[in-house]
Amino acid sequence: MLKVKLQDGATIPKRATEGSACYDLYSNEEGTIPAHSRRMFDTGVYVEFPNQFMLQILSRSGLSLKHGLQVGAGIVDSDYRGSIKVLLYNHSDSAYHIEKHDKIAQMALIHIETPDIEVVNEINDTDRGENGFGSTG
């Protein structure tokens, strides 16, 4: 169960279609993001959900493709009780204006595991080994 409390004037998160994996998040304030800069926007949404979950705040594909906007720092822990804020980066050459109630991001409720950590002297080898960035094509 995802419980939601709203500030005055805030928009409830909504799934665009029955098959949508994420809930759209809306700005609860107006503001402009200068070109090649960033700005935080308050959604006015407070959430409560079980400890074995997290919320991930993600970019909206249309805003990224059409306007160069991307979300940064997008994890909400189960014990956070403040309003969800969205950090938007503007990678374009033009300022971008956000109106109150504009869709600015999307959030996914994701099940997580938090196992105990065991410190060991060695870990099992694999065919891939230590080959990282770009190593699989």
C-alpha atoms as a PDB file:
ATOM      1  CA  MET A   1       0.000   0.000   0.000  1.00  0.00           C
ATOM      2  CA  LEU A   2       1.305   3.439  -0.968  1.00  0.00           C
ATOM      3  CA  LYS A   3      -0.172   6.139   1.276  1.00  0.00           C
ATOM      4  CA  VAL A   4      -0.120   9.725  -0.037  1.00  0.00           C
ATOM      5  CA  LYS A   5      -0.698  13.042   1.745  1.00  0.00           C
ATOM      6  CA  LEU A   6      -0.932  16.250  -0.320  1.00  0.00           C
ATOM      7  CA  GLN A   7      -0.007  19.875   0.402  1.00  0.00           C
ATOM      8  CA  ASP A   8      -2.706  22.383  -0.529  1.00  0.00           C
ATOM      9  CA  GLY A   9      -2.891  22.645  -4.302  1.00  0.00           C
ATOM     10  CA  ALA A  10      -0.716  19.580  -4.987  1.00  0.00           C
ATOM     11  CA  THR A  11      -1.692  17.033  -7.637  1.00  0.00           C
ATOM     12  CA  ILE A  12      -2.087  13.375  -6.715  1.00  0.00           C
ATOM     13  CA  PRO A  13       0.404  11.111  -8.538  1.00  0.00           C
ATOM     14  CA  LYS A  14      -1.313   9.247 -11.386  1.00  0.00           C
ATOM     15  CA  ARG A  15      -0.544   6.356 -13.722  1.00  0.00           C
ATOM     16  CA  ALA A  16      -1.161   7.426 -17.336  1.00  0.00           C
ATOM     17  CA  THR A  17      -2.468   4.010 -18.413  1.00  0.00           C
ATOM     18  CA  GLU A  18      -3.406   0.721 -16.794  1.00  0.00           C
ATOM     19  CA  GLY A  19      -0.095  -0.709 -18.020  1.00  0.00           C
ATOM     20  CA  SER A  20       2.056   2.177 -16.745  1.00  0.00           C
ATOM     21  CA  ALA A  21       4.782   1.027 -14.358  1.00  0.00           C
ATOM     22  CA  CYS A  22       5.212   4.489 -12.828  1.00  0.00           C
ATOM     23  CA  TYR A  23       3.116   7.278 -11.344  1.00  0.00           C
ATOM     24  CA  ASP A  24       3.494  10.745 -12.865  1.00  0.00           C
ATOM     25  CA  LEU A  25       4.676  13.445 -10.464  1.00  0.00           C
ATOM     26  CA  TYR A  26       3.530  17.046 -10.880  1.00  0.00           C
ATOM     27  CA  SER A  27       5.198  20.273  -9.822  1.00  0.00           C
ATOM     28  CA  ASN A  28       3.479  22.147  -7.017  1.00  0.00           C
ATOM     29  CA  GLU A  29       5.292  25.354  -7.963  1.00  0.00           C
ATOM     30  CA  GLU A  30       6.231  27.428 -10.984  1.00  0.00           C
ATOM     31  CA  GLY A  31       9.835  28.087 -11.956  1.00  0.00           C
ATOM     32  CA  THR A  32      12.431  28.291 -14.701  1.00  0.00           C
ATOM     33  CA  ILE A  33      15.498  26.103 -15.163  1.00  0.00           C
ATOM     34  CA  PRO A  34      18.235  28.088 -16.927  1.00  0.00           C
ATOM     35  CA  ALA A  35      20.097  26.440 -19.808  1.00  0.00           C
ATOM     36  CA  HIS A  36      22.795  23.998 -18.670  1.00  0.00           C
ATOM     37  CA  SER A  37      21.666  24.307 -15.064  1.00  0.00           C
ATOM     38  CA  ARG A  38      19.472  22.571 -12.504  1.00  0.00           C
ATOM     39  CA  ARG A  39      16.639  23.389 -10.150  1.00  0.00           C
ATOM     40  CA  MET A  40      14.682  21.620  -7.416  1.00  0.00           C
ATOM     41  CA  PHE A  41      10.882  21.495  -7.666  1.00  0.00           C
ATOM     42  CA  ASP A  42       8.524  20.584  -4.823  1.00  0.00           C
ATOM     43  CA  THR A  43       5.700  18.178  -5.687  1.00  0.00           C
ATOM     44  CA  GLY A  44       3.769  18.749  -2.465  1.00  0.00           C
ATOM     45  CA  VAL A  45       3.434  14.958  -2.141  1.00  0.00           C
ATOM     46  CA  TYR A  46       4.259  13.083   1.083  1.00  0.00           C
ATOM     47  CA  VAL A  47       4.371   9.290   1.055  1.00  0.00           C
ATOM     48  CA  GLU A  48       4.372   6.318   3.396  1.00  0.00           C
ATOM     49  CA  PHE A  49       5.169   2.776   2.283  1.00  0.00           C
ATOM     50  CA  PRO A  50       6.581  -0.446   3.813  1.00  0.00           C
ATOM     51  CA  ASN A  51      10.281  -0.794   4.709  1.00  0.00           C
ATOM     52  CA  GLN A  52      10.951  -3.425   2.045  1.00  0.00           C
ATOM     53  CA  PHE A  53      10.290  -0.858  -0.719  1.00  0.00           C
ATOM     54  CA  MET A  54      11.830   2.342  -2.077  1.00  0.00           C
ATOM     55  CA  LEU A  55      10.572   4.972  -4.475  1.00  0.00           C
ATOM     56  CA  GLN A  56      12.734   5.734  -7.475  1.00  0.00           C
ATOM     57  CA  ILE A  57      12.210   9.122  -9.129  1.00  0.00           C
ATOM     58  CA  LEU A  58      12.821   8.885 -12.875  1.00  0.00           C
ATOM     59  CA  SER A  59      12.928  11.181 -15.884  1.00  0.00           C
ATOM     60  CA  ARG A  60       9.934  11.429 -18.194  1.00  0.00           C
ATOM     61  CA  SER A  61      10.971  10.269 -21.654  1.00  0.00           C
ATOM     62  CA  GLY A  62       9.178  13.105 -23.463  1.00  0.00           C
ATOM     63  CA  LEU A  63      10.832  15.834 -21.376  1.00  0.00           C
ATOM     64  CA  SER A  64      14.226  14.211 -21.915  1.00  0.00           C
ATOM     65  CA  LEU A  65      13.806  13.768 -25.668  1.00  0.00           C
ATOM     66  CA  LYS A  66      12.095  17.065 -26.510  1.00  0.00           C
ATOM     67  CA  HIS A  67      13.646  19.438 -23.950  1.00  0.00           C
ATOM     68  CA  GLY A  68      16.832  17.861 -22.558  1.00  0.00           C
ATOM     69  CA  LEU A  69      15.464  17.600 -19.001  1.00  0.00           C
ATOM     70  CA  GLN A  70      16.625  14.781 -16.743  1.00  0.00           C
ATOM     71  CA  VAL A  71      16.036  13.874 -13.105  1.00  0.00           C
ATOM     72  CA  GLY A  72      18.960  13.661 -10.679  1.00  0.00           C
ATOM     73  CA  ALA A  73      19.314  12.076  -7.212  1.00  0.00           C
ATOM     74  CA  GLY A  74      16.117  10.062  -7.327  1.00  0.00           C
ATOM     75  CA  ILE A  75      15.768   7.680  -4.367  1.00  0.00           C
ATOM     76  CA  VAL A  76      13.146   8.080  -1.619  1.00  0.00           C
ATOM     77  CA  ASP A  77      13.660   5.842   1.432  1.00  0.00           C
ATOM     78  CA  SER A  78      10.750   4.331   3.362  1.00  0.00           C
ATOM     79  CA  ASP A  79      11.535   6.371   6.491  1.00  0.00           C
ATOM     80  CA  TYR A  80      11.565   9.772   4.703  1.00  0.00           C
ATOM     81  CA  ARG A  81       8.541  11.883   5.636  1.00  0.00           C
ATOM     82  CA  GLY A  82       9.195  15.175   3.844  1.00  0.00           C
ATOM     83  CA  SER A  83       7.632  16.349   0.610  1.00  0.00           C
ATOM     84  CA  ILE A  84       9.006  14.652  -2.509  1.00  0.00           C
ATOM     85  CA  LYS A  85      11.227  17.053  -4.385  1.00  0.00           C
ATOM     86  CA  VAL A  86      12.495  16.577  -7.933  1.00  0.00           C
ATOM     87  CA  LEU A  87      15.932  17.764  -9.033  1.00  0.00           C
ATOM     88  CA  LEU A  88      15.720  18.609 -12.743  1.00  0.00           C
ATOM     89  CA  TYR A  89      18.791  19.128 -14.928  1.00  0.00           C
ATOM     90  CA  ASN A  90      18.390  21.158 -18.110  1.00  0.00           C
ATOM     91  CA  HIS A  91      20.980  19.931 -20.628  1.00  0.00           C
ATOM     92  CA  SER A  92      19.644  22.139 -23.437  1.00  0.00           C
ATOM     93  CA  ASP A  93      20.825  25.524 -24.728  1.00  0.00           C
ATOM     94  CA  SER A  94      17.514  27.175 -23.734  1.00  0.00           C
ATOM     95  CA  ALA A  95      15.858  27.932 -20.413  1.00  0.00           C
ATOM     96  CA  TYR A  96      12.823  25.763 -19.673  1.00  0.00           C
ATOM     97  CA  HIS A  97       9.789  26.992 -17.728  1.00  0.00           C
ATOM     98  CA  ILE A  98       7.751  24.701 -15.468  1.00  0.00           C
ATOM     99  CA  GLU A  99       4.174  25.676 -14.619  1.00  0.00           C
ATOM    100  CA  LYS A 100       2.429  24.537 -11.446  1.00  0.00           C
ATOM    101  CA  HIS A 101       0.776  21.132 -12.113  1.00  0.00           C
ATOM    102  CA  ASP A 102       3.126  20.265 -15.023  1.00  0.00           C
ATOM    103  CA  LYS A 103       4.246  16.628 -15.128  1.00  0.00           C
ATOM    104  CA  ILE A 104       7.942  16.758 -14.211  1.00  0.00           C
ATOM    105  CA  ALA A 105       8.973  13.199 -13.320  1.00  0.00           C
ATOM    106  CA  GLN A 106       7.661   9.742 -12.594  1.00  0.00           C
ATOM    107  CA  MET A 107       8.025   7.501  -9.566  1.00  0.00           C
ATOM    108  CA  ALA A 108       8.249   3.729  -9.290  1.00  0.00           C
ATOM    109  CA  LEU A 109       7.642   1.774  -6.091  1.00  0.00           C
ATOM    110  CA  ILE A 110      10.341  -0.907  -6.117  1.00  0.00           C
ATOM    111  CA  HIS A 111      10.747  -3.925  -3.846  1.00  0.00           C
ATOM    112  CA  ILE A 112      14.253  -4.081  -2.350  1.00  0.00           C
ATOM    113  CA  GLU A 113      16.375  -6.549  -0.412  1.00  0.00           C
ATOM    114  CA  THR A 114      18.729  -5.357   2.329  1.00  0.00           C
ATOM    115  CA  PRO A 115      20.837  -8.412   3.214  1.00  0.00           C
ATOM    116  CA  ASP A 116      23.507  -8.411   5.884  1.00  0.00           C
ATOM    117  CA  ILE A 117      27.009  -7.735   4.554  1.00  0.00           C
ATOM    118  CA  GLU A 118      29.658 -10.425   4.971  1.00  0.00           C
ATOM    119  CA  VAL A 119      33.289  -9.361   4.520  1.00  0.00           C
ATOM    120  CA  VAL A 120      35.311 -12.122   2.798  1.00  0.00           C
ATOM    121  CA  ASN A 121      38.888 -12.501   1.548  1.00  0.00           C
ATOM    122  CA  GLU A 122      37.896 -13.663  -1.951  1.00  0.00           C
ATOM    123  CA  ILE A 123      34.887 -13.730  -4.251  1.00  0.00           C
ATOM    124  CA  ASN A 124      34.146 -16.292  -6.973  1.00  0.00           C
ATOM    125  CA  ASP A 125      35.645 -15.616 -10.399  1.00  0.00           C
ATOM    126  CA  THR A 126      33.514 -15.423 -13.571  1.00  0.00           C
ATOM    127  CA  ASP A 127      34.233 -15.502 -17.313  1.00  0.00           C
ATOM    128  CA  ARG A 128      33.789 -11.730 -17.380  1.00  0.00           C
ATOM    129  CA  GLY A 129      36.144 -11.128 -14.481  1.00  0.00           C
ATOM    130  CA  GLU A 130      37.010  -7.462 -13.955  1.00  0.00           C
ATOM    131  CA  ASN A 131      36.081  -6.311 -17.469  1.00  0.00           C
ATOM    132  CA  GLY A 132      33.730  -3.380 -16.966  1.00  0.00           C
ATOM    133  CA  PHE A 133      32.530  -0.396 -18.977  1.00  0.00           C
ATOM    134  CA  GLY A 134      31.812  -1.358 -22.577  1.00  0.00           C
ATOM    135  CA  SER A 135      33.249  -4.868 -22.179  1.00  0.00           C
ATOM    136  CA  THR A 136      30.110  -6.714 -23.292  1.00  0.00           C
ATOM    137  CA  GLY A 137      29.499  -4.748 -26.456  1.00  0.00           C
END
